C-alpha atoms as a PDB file:
ATOM      1  CA  UNK A   1     -16.139  -7.623  -9.879  1.00  0.00           C
ATOM      2  CA  UNK A   2     -12.528  -8.068  -8.151  1.00  0.00           C
ATOM      3  CA  UNK A   3     -13.728  -5.788  -4.935  1.00  0.00           C
ATOM      4  CA  UNK A   4     -17.957  -6.706  -4.697  1.00  0.00           C
ATOM      5  CA  UNK A   5     -18.834  -6.637  -0.821  1.00  0.00           C
ATOM      6  CA  UNK A   6     -15.210  -5.674   0.162  1.00  0.00           C
ATOM      7  CA  UNK A   7     -15.138  -3.962   2.719  1.00  0.00           C
ATOM      8  CA  UNK A   8     -11.318  -3.526   3.723  1.00  0.00           C
ATOM      9  CA  UNK A   9      -8.379  -3.258   0.615  1.00  0.00           C
ATOM     10  CA  UNK A  10      -4.642  -3.516   1.111  1.00  0.00           C
ATOM     11  CA  UNK A  11      -2.496  -2.081  -1.981  1.00  0.00           C
ATOM     12  CA  UNK A  12       0.918  -3.234  -1.683  1.00  0.00           C
ATOM     13  CA  UNK A  13       4.626  -2.368  -2.839  1.00  0.00           C
ATOM     14  CA  UNK A  14       7.492  -3.450  -2.349  1.00  0.00           C
ATOM     15  CA  UNK A  15      10.112  -0.865  -0.950  1.00  0.00           C
ATOM     16  CA  UNK A  16      12.640  -1.764  -3.522  1.00  0.00           C
ATOM     17  CA  UNK A  17      10.690  -1.478  -6.546  1.00  0.00           C
ATOM     18  CA  UNK A  18       9.553   2.322  -7.553  1.00  0.00           C
ATOM     19  CA  UNK A  19       7.410   0.047 -10.586  1.00  0.00           C
ATOM     20  CA  UNK A  20       5.493  -1.778  -7.911  1.00  0.00           C
ATOM     21  CA  UNK A  21       4.594   1.528  -6.467  1.00  0.00           C
ATOM     22  CA  UNK A  22       4.260   3.500  -9.382  1.00  0.00           C
ATOM     23  CA  UNK A  23       1.338   0.696 -10.448  1.00  0.00           C
ATOM     24  CA  UNK A  24      -1.192   1.112  -7.600  1.00  0.00           C
ATOM     25  CA  UNK A  25      -2.661   4.377  -9.326  1.00  0.00           C
ATOM     26  CA  UNK A  26      -5.247   2.553 -11.410  1.00  0.00           C
ATOM     27  CA  UNK A  27      -6.127   0.000  -8.156  1.00  0.00           C
ATOM     28  CA  UNK A  28      -6.230   2.706  -5.519  1.00  0.00           C
ATOM     29  CA  UNK A  29      -8.759   4.344  -7.791  1.00  0.00           C
ATOM     30  CA  UNK A  30     -10.672   1.853  -8.361  1.00  0.00           C
ATOM     31  CA  UNK A  31     -10.758   1.105  -4.660  1.00  0.00           C
ATOM     32  CA  UNK A  32     -11.605   4.724  -4.070  1.00  0.00           C
ATOM     33  CA  UNK A  33     -14.978   4.096  -6.777  1.00  0.00           C
ATOM     34  CA  UNK A  34     -16.161   1.483  -4.569  1.00  0.00           C
ATOM     35  CA  UNK A  35     -18.707   2.239  -2.571  1.00  0.00           C
ATOM     36  CA  UNK A  36     -18.779  -0.587   0.426  1.00  0.00           C
ATOM     37  CA  UNK A  37     -14.995  -0.167   1.223  1.00  0.00           C
ATOM     38  CA  UNK A  38     -14.751   1.328   4.239  1.00  0.00           C
ATOM     39  CA  UNK A  39     -10.864   0.336   5.093  1.00  0.00           C
ATOM     40  CA  UNK A  40      -7.937   0.750   3.062  1.00  0.00           C
ATOM     41  CA  UNK A  41      -4.416   0.723   3.843  1.00  0.00           C
ATOM     42  CA  UNK A  42      -1.386   0.700   1.988  1.00  0.00           C
ATOM     43  CA  UNK A  43       1.453  -1.518   3.004  1.00  0.00           C
ATOM     44  CA  UNK A  44       5.325  -1.686   1.592  1.00  0.00           C
ATOM     45  CA  UNK A  45       6.694  -5.352   1.915  1.00  0.00           C
ATOM     46  CA  UNK A  46      10.427  -6.225   2.361  1.00  0.00           C
ATOM     47  CA  UNK A  47      10.927  -3.740   5.039  1.00  0.00           C
ATOM     48  CA  UNK A  48      13.906  -5.709   6.007  1.00  0.00           C
ATOM     49  CA  UNK A  49      15.935  -4.077   2.773  1.00  0.00           C
ATOM     50  CA  UNK A  50      16.580  -0.458   3.771  1.00  0.00           C
ATOM     51  CA  UNK A  51      20.021  -0.428   2.688  1.00  0.00           C
ATOM     52  CA  UNK A  52      17.885  -1.069  -1.050  1.00  0.00           C
ATOM     53  CA  UNK A  53      15.435   1.054  -0.226  1.00  0.00           C
ATOM     54  CA  UNK A  54      13.737   3.026  -2.874  1.00  0.00           C
ATOM     55  CA  UNK A  55      10.552   3.841  -1.207  1.00  0.00           C
ATOM     56  CA  UNK A  56      10.402   6.409   1.055  1.00  0.00           C
ATOM     57  CA  UNK A  57       8.123   6.356   4.078  1.00  0.00           C
ATOM     58  CA  UNK A  58       7.635   9.332   3.911  1.00  0.00           C
ATOM     59  CA  UNK A  59       6.335   9.168   0.408  1.00  0.00           C
ATOM     60  CA  UNK A  60       4.420   6.268   0.853  1.00  0.00           C
ATOM     61  CA  UNK A  61       2.402   8.266   3.745  1.00  0.00           C
ATOM     62  CA  UNK A  62       2.286  11.290   1.224  1.00  0.00           C
ATOM     63  CA  UNK A  63       0.682   8.801  -1.485  1.00  0.00           C
ATOM     64  CA  UNK A  64      -1.877   7.905   1.349  1.00  0.00           C
ATOM     65  CA  UNK A  65      -2.936  11.437   1.878  1.00  0.00           C
ATOM     66  CA  UNK A  66      -3.467  12.176  -1.911  1.00  0.00           C
ATOM     67  CA  UNK A  67      -5.254   8.746  -2.132  1.00  0.00           C
ATOM     68  CA  UNK A  68      -7.903   8.865   1.038  1.00  0.00           C
ATOM     69  CA  UNK A  69      -6.025   5.796   2.610  1.00  0.00           C
ATOM     70  CA  UNK A  70      -6.250   5.509   6.063  1.00  0.00           C
ATOM     71  CA  UNK A  71      -2.842   3.914   7.330  1.00  0.00           C
ATOM     72  CA  UNK A  72       0.694   3.112   5.712  1.00  0.00           C
ATOM     73  CA  UNK A  73       2.408  -0.130   7.266  1.00  0.00           C
ATOM     74  CA  UNK A  74       5.772  -1.313   6.678  1.00  0.00           C
ATOM     75  CA  UNK A  75       6.325  -5.731   6.673  1.00  0.00           C
ATOM     76  CA  UNK A  76       9.591  -7.961   6.558  1.00  0.00           C
ATOM     77  CA  UNK A  77       8.137 -11.667   6.212  1.00  0.00           C
ATOM     78  CA  UNK A  78      11.852 -12.648   6.683  1.00  0.00           C
ATOM     79  CA  UNK A  79      12.246 -10.341   9.674  1.00  0.00           C
ATOM     80  CA  UNK A  80       8.513 -11.716  11.047  1.00  0.00           C
ATOM     81  CA  UNK A  81       7.668  -7.866  11.528  1.00  0.00           C
ATOM     82  CA  UNK A  82       4.707  -6.139  10.462  1.00  0.00           C
ATOM     83  CA  UNK A  83       0.950  -5.489  11.005  1.00  0.00           C
END
């Protein structure tokens, strides 16, 4: 119901939080099953906290490939960088 009519989706996780990344699976599965979905992106937040990073960019890219996600981004609201 949340995705009805949606054409674009962003799965968002915190690069400093393992649980936020591993909890993406049910959402990724639901998005794969949504016939209207055209674009599907993975977004890592808190890119300014490199010293606290637990999810590498490479790991996120592998996850994206495994789930049919078109692109991986990393953002930082604090540093005003990202998408």
